[in-house]
């Protein structure tokens, strides 16, 4: 085990700039806490429209995370272990939603899976399946923007894992599927969990692709971020309360991940 590096004394300019950066990130949290009316917080949170948005966000974000895991983990394994033509292009397309404006992602989903889209028209014609402006559309939009976080984390884990253990299991007669389930997955499980949590946190906060592809229909496709946007016009205190909930969830996730998976040895 390598010895821990001794802490350094940073120069004064670095301290000042770091303090300014800290204030920049802390100030929005302080602003929310300053503006919230704690006496009305319970009433705002237990209103029917807010509870519907919360329930839908929890359901859709968990469904998007499960979908991302089912599709993203095999994709990450292929990107990490296989070699094939177009691999770099596939990796670039996989990570594209991370840098693509979410509204543009929603437009792209409409072009692909809308009623007249290249795929959507056949889904509707053959199966009578319509994805836009439905709960399934919400899950699809969230999966589109959140899955890259899981894929990138999982691919890095598959690349770093000790393949000698897998080869040893193969020499003992284990099949590929058994090696993957009993050796590979346990080796990378901490990274997979971290990637899934990041994926879920991104999905529950998704706005642009969701409102473009699934719309903003109360009780049907209206998630927490969409509800916050509307409440800013009519009930700003409720918008602040919901924003505080999202902020608390995100902060709890990041603190938990930092203490469990990101702490240096």
Protein backbone atom coordinates (compact mmCIF):
# COMPACT_ATOMS: atom_id res chain seq x y z
CA UNK A 1 0.00 0.00 0.00
CA UNK A 2 1.45 3.33 -0.99
CA UNK A 3 1.82 5.85 1.85
CA UNK A 4 -0.63 8.71 1.90
CA UNK A 5 0.75 11.94 0.50
CA UNK A 6 1.39 14.65 3.05
CA UNK A 7 -0.96 17.62 2.82
CA UNK A 8 0.59 20.68 1.22
CA UNK A 9 0.23 24.29 2.21
CA UNK A 10 -1.47 25.97 -0.76
CA UNK A 11 -0.42 29.46 -1.86
CA UNK A 12 -2.53 32.40 -0.79
CA UNK A 13 -3.97 33.03 -4.25
CA UNK A 14 -5.19 29.41 -4.46
CA UNK A 15 -6.86 29.73 -1.07
CA UNK A 16 -8.71 32.89 -2.12
CA UNK A 17 -9.87 31.40 -5.42
CA UNK A 18 -10.91 28.15 -3.73
CA UNK A 19 -12.90 30.13 -1.18
CA UNK A 20 -14.67 32.02 -3.96
CA UNK A 21 -15.47 28.72 -5.69
CA UNK A 22 -16.86 27.34 -2.44
CA UNK A 23 -19.05 30.40 -1.94
CA UNK A 24 -20.29 30.07 -5.51
CA UNK A 25 -21.52 26.53 -4.84
CA UNK A 26 -22.78 27.13 -1.30
CA UNK A 27 -24.70 30.34 -2.03
CA UNK A 28 -27.59 28.68 -3.95
CA UNK A 29 -28.16 26.23 -1.09
CA UNK A 30 -28.14 29.07 1.44
CA UNK A 31 -30.54 31.00 -0.78
CA UNK A 32 -33.01 28.12 -0.83
CA UNK A 33 -32.80 27.64 2.91
CA UNK A 34 -33.25 31.39 3.43
CA UNK A 35 -36.31 31.63 1.21
CA UNK A 36 -38.23 28.55 2.32
CA UNK A 37 -41.11 29.05 4.74
CA UNK A 38 -40.65 26.14 7.09
CA UNK A 39 -44.11 26.49 8.60
CA UNK A 40 -45.72 25.95 5.19
CA UNK A 41 -43.31 23.25 4.01
CA UNK A 42 -45.46 20.32 5.10
CA UNK A 43 -48.63 21.74 3.56
CA UNK A 44 -46.89 22.39 0.24
CA UNK A 45 -45.28 18.97 0.14
CA UNK A 46 -48.50 17.06 0.89
CA UNK A 47 -50.66 18.75 -1.71
CA UNK A 48 -52.08 16.32 -4.26
CA UNK A 49 -50.34 17.73 -7.32
CA UNK A 50 -46.95 17.71 -5.61
CA UNK A 51 -47.42 14.14 -4.36
CA UNK A 52 -48.34 13.02 -7.88
CA UNK A 53 -45.19 14.60 -9.30
CA UNK A 54 -43.07 13.02 -6.56
CA UNK A 55 -44.56 9.58 -7.11
CA UNK A 56 -44.13 9.78 -10.87
CA UNK A 57 -40.53 10.98 -10.54
CA UNK A 58 -39.62 8.14 -8.20
CA UNK A 59 -41.26 5.53 -10.42
CA UNK A 60 -39.86 6.82 -13.71
CA UNK A 61 -36.33 7.42 -12.39
CA UNK A 62 -36.13 3.92 -10.88
CA UNK A 63 -37.51 2.43 -14.11
CA UNK A 64 -34.97 4.42 -16.12
CA UNK A 65 -32.17 3.21 -13.85
CA UNK A 66 -33.28 -0.42 -14.21
CA UNK A 67 -33.46 -0.02 -17.99
CA UNK A 68 -30.05 1.63 -18.05
CA UNK A 69 -28.56 -1.23 -16.03
CA UNK A 70 -30.14 -3.92 -18.22
CA UNK A 71 -28.86 -2.30 -21.42
CA UNK A 72 -25.88 -0.27 -20.27
CA UNK A 73 -23.89 -2.92 -18.39
CA UNK A 74 -23.67 -5.29 -21.40
CA UNK A 75 -22.83 -2.29 -23.61
CA UNK A 76 -20.08 -1.22 -21.22
CA UNK A 77 -18.65 -4.77 -21.19
CA UNK A 78 -18.59 -4.86 -25.00
CA UNK A 79 -16.92 -1.45 -25.21
CA UNK A 80 -14.32 -2.46 -22.62
CA UNK A 81 -13.48 -5.98 -23.78
CA UNK A 82 -14.33 -6.32 -27.48
CA UNK A 83 -12.68 -4.89 -30.57
CA UNK A 84 -14.79 -4.24 -33.66
CA UNK A 85 -15.14 -1.70 -36.49
CA UNK A 86 -16.95 1.45 -35.42
CA UNK A 87 -16.19 0.96 -31.73
CA UNK A 88 -14.97 4.52 -31.24
CA UNK A 89 -18.03 5.87 -33.00
CA UNK A 90 -20.31 3.78 -30.81
CA UNK A 91 -18.54 5.04 -27.67
CA UNK A 92 -18.90 8.63 -28.88
CA UNK A 93 -22.60 8.16 -29.60
CA UNK A 94 -23.07 6.55 -26.19
CA UNK A 95 -21.62 9.56 -24.41
CA UNK A 96 -23.24 12.14 -26.71
CA UNK A 97 -26.30 12.70 -24.46
CA UNK A 98 -23.96 13.94 -21.71
CA UNK A 99 -22.97 16.99 -23.79
CA UNK A 100 -26.07 17.31 -25.94
CA UNK A 101 -28.57 19.98 -24.80
CA UNK A 102 -31.44 18.01 -23.24
CA UNK A 103 -34.05 19.76 -25.39
CA UNK A 104 -32.15 18.68 -28.49
CA UNK A 105 -32.17 15.16 -27.10
CA UNK A 106 -35.95 15.35 -26.76
CA UNK A 107 -36.28 16.55 -30.35
CA UNK A 108 -34.05 13.67 -31.49
CA UNK A 109 -36.23 11.20 -29.57
CA UNK A 110 -39.32 12.63 -31.26
CA UNK A 111 -37.65 12.29 -34.66
CA UNK A 112 -36.85 8.65 -33.91
CA UNK A 113 -39.80 7.43 -31.84
CA UNK A 114 -42.55 9.96 -32.56
CA UNK A 115 -45.68 9.03 -34.55
CA UNK A 116 -43.89 9.95 -37.78
CA UNK A 117 -40.39 8.99 -36.62
CA UNK A 118 -38.13 6.51 -38.32
CA UNK A 119 -38.92 3.90 -35.65
CA UNK A 120 -42.07 5.26 -34.05
CA UNK A 121 -44.23 5.04 -37.15
CA UNK A 122 -43.59 1.31 -37.38
CA UNK A 123 -44.18 0.79 -33.65
CA UNK A 124 -47.55 2.47 -33.99
CA UNK A 125 -48.46 0.71 -37.23
CA UNK A 126 -47.44 -2.79 -36.20
CA UNK A 127 -48.07 -2.81 -32.44
CA UNK A 128 -50.27 0.24 -31.83
CA UNK A 129 -47.56 1.51 -29.49
CA UNK A 130 -47.24 5.27 -28.92
CA UNK A 131 -44.33 6.46 -26.80
CA UNK A 132 -44.38 10.28 -26.81
CA UNK A 133 -46.46 12.04 -24.13
CA UNK A 134 -46.80 8.89 -22.03
CA UNK A 135 -45.17 7.53 -18.87
CA UNK A 136 -43.12 5.25 -21.12
CA UNK A 137 -41.92 8.38 -22.90
CA UNK A 138 -40.82 9.85 -19.58
CA UNK A 139 -38.80 6.71 -18.80
CA UNK A 140 -37.29 6.71 -22.28
CA UNK A 141 -36.25 10.37 -22.07
CA UNK A 142 -34.69 9.85 -18.66
CA UNK A 143 -32.90 6.70 -19.81
CA UNK A 144 -31.50 8.52 -22.85
CA UNK A 145 -29.84 11.24 -20.78
CA UNK A 146 -28.89 9.13 -17.73
CA UNK A 147 -27.56 5.84 -19.15
CA UNK A 148 -24.21 7.32 -20.29
CA UNK A 149 -23.25 7.92 -16.64
CA UNK A 150 -23.66 4.23 -15.92
CA UNK A 151 -21.96 3.10 -19.13
CA UNK A 152 -18.87 5.24 -18.59
CA UNK A 153 -18.49 4.14 -14.97
CA UNK A 154 -19.04 0.47 -15.81
CA UNK A 155 -16.69 0.50 -18.81
CA UNK A 156 -13.88 1.95 -16.71
CA UNK A 157 -14.50 -0.71 -14.06
CA UNK A 158 -14.42 -3.55 -16.61
CA UNK A 159 -11.16 -2.19 -18.02
CA UNK A 160 -9.51 -2.01 -14.56
CA UNK A 161 -10.69 -5.39 -13.29
CA UNK A 162 -8.10 -8.15 -12.87
CA UNK A 163 -8.70 -10.47 -15.80
CA UNK A 164 -6.32 -13.05 -14.36
CA UNK A 165 -9.04 -14.08 -11.93
CA UNK A 166 -11.43 -14.61 -14.82
CA UNK A 167 -8.85 -16.67 -16.70
CA UNK A 168 -8.23 -18.78 -13.62
CA UNK A 169 -11.95 -19.50 -13.33
CA UNK A 170 -12.06 -20.48 -17.01
CA UNK A 171 -9.17 -22.92 -16.56
CA UNK A 172 -11.18 -24.55 -13.76
CA UNK A 173 -13.98 -25.27 -16.20
CA UNK A 174 -16.36 -22.36 -15.59
CA UNK A 175 -18.34 -21.18 -18.59
CA UNK A 176 -18.31 -17.58 -19.82
CA UNK A 177 -21.67 -16.81 -18.26
CA UNK A 178 -20.63 -18.31 -14.91
CA UNK A 179 -17.37 -16.35 -14.93
CA UNK A 180 -19.27 -13.16 -15.68
CA UNK A 181 -21.81 -13.72 -12.89
CA UNK A 182 -19.53 -15.18 -10.22
CA UNK A 183 -16.22 -13.40 -10.88
CA UNK A 184 -16.52 -10.32 -13.10
CA UNK A 185 -19.64 -8.76 -11.61
CA UNK A 186 -18.47 -9.07 -7.97
CA UNK A 187 -15.15 -7.47 -8.94
CA UNK A 188 -16.81 -4.41 -10.47
CA UNK A 189 -19.93 -4.26 -8.30
CA UNK A 190 -18.89 -1.13 -6.33
CA UNK A 191 -18.42 0.79 -9.55
CA UNK A 192 -21.68 -0.55 -10.96
CA UNK A 193 -23.56 0.61 -7.88
CA UNK A 194 -21.90 4.02 -8.06
CA UNK A 195 -22.78 4.32 -11.75
CA UNK A 196 -26.37 3.27 -11.09
CA UNK A 197 -26.74 5.87 -8.34
CA UNK A 198 -25.35 8.58 -10.60
CA UNK A 199 -27.71 7.40 -13.33
CA UNK A 200 -30.70 7.59 -10.97
CA UNK A 201 -29.74 11.04 -9.71
CA UNK A 202 -29.48 12.31 -13.29
CA UNK A 203 -32.79 10.71 -14.25
CA UNK A 204 -34.77 12.16 -11.36
CA UNK A 205 -33.53 15.66 -12.21
CA UNK A 206 -34.10 15.45 -15.96
CA UNK A 207 -36.11 18.32 -17.50
CA UNK A 208 -35.42 19.23 -21.14
CA UNK A 209 -35.72 15.88 -22.90
CA UNK A 210 -38.72 14.94 -20.75
CA UNK A 211 -40.76 18.06 -21.46
CA UNK A 212 -39.97 17.83 -25.19
CA UNK A 213 -40.62 14.12 -25.69
CA UNK A 214 -43.20 13.35 -22.99
CA UNK A 215 -44.84 16.72 -22.37
CA UNK A 216 -45.94 18.20 -19.06
CA UNK A 217 -49.32 16.67 -18.22
CA UNK A 218 -50.23 16.72 -14.51
CA UNK A 219 -50.68 13.26 -13.08
CA UNK A 220 -49.39 11.59 -16.24
CA UNK A 221 -45.99 12.92 -17.36
CA UNK A 222 -45.33 15.78 -14.94
CA UNK A 223 -42.19 15.00 -12.94
CA UNK A 224 -40.69 17.04 -10.09
CA UNK A 225 -38.48 19.32 -12.25
CA UNK A 226 -41.42 20.10 -14.55
CA UNK A 227 -43.63 20.80 -11.55
CA UNK A 228 -41.01 23.14 -10.07
CA UNK A 229 -40.88 25.09 -13.33
CA UNK A 230 -44.65 25.62 -13.34
CA UNK A 231 -44.89 26.40 -9.63
CA UNK A 232 -42.41 29.25 -9.98
CA UNK A 233 -45.18 31.22 -11.74
CA UNK A 234 -48.03 30.52 -9.32
CA UNK A 235 -46.73 29.07 -6.03
CA UNK A 236 -43.08 30.03 -5.60
CA UNK A 237 -42.95 28.69 -2.05
CA UNK A 238 -43.98 25.26 -3.28
CA UNK A 239 -41.34 25.48 -6.02
CA UNK A 240 -38.70 26.31 -3.40
CA UNK A 241 -39.84 23.41 -1.21
CA UNK A 242 -39.61 20.93 -4.09
CA UNK A 243 -36.25 22.35 -5.15
CA UNK A 244 -35.03 21.82 -1.60
CA UNK A 245 -36.18 18.20 -1.72
CA UNK A 246 -34.31 17.56 -4.98
CA UNK A 247 -31.23 19.30 -3.64
CA UNK A 248 -31.31 17.26 -0.42
CA UNK A 249 -31.68 13.99 -2.36
CA UNK A 250 -28.81 14.84 -4.70
CA UNK A 251 -26.55 15.97 -1.87
CA UNK A 252 -27.29 12.83 0.15
CA UNK A 253 -26.46 10.65 -2.85
CA UNK A 254 -23.16 12.40 -3.50
CA UNK A 255 -22.11 12.37 0.17
CA UNK A 256 -22.98 8.69 0.46
CA UNK A 257 -21.03 7.83 -2.68
CA UNK A 258 -18.06 9.88 -1.55
CA UNK A 259 -17.85 8.09 1.78
CA UNK A 260 -18.32 4.59 0.37
CA UNK A 261 -16.78 4.47 -3.11
CA UNK A 262 -14.71 7.60 -3.68
CA UNK A 263 -12.63 7.67 -0.52
CA UNK A 264 -8.97 7.16 -1.49
CA UNK A 265 -7.18 4.19 0.02
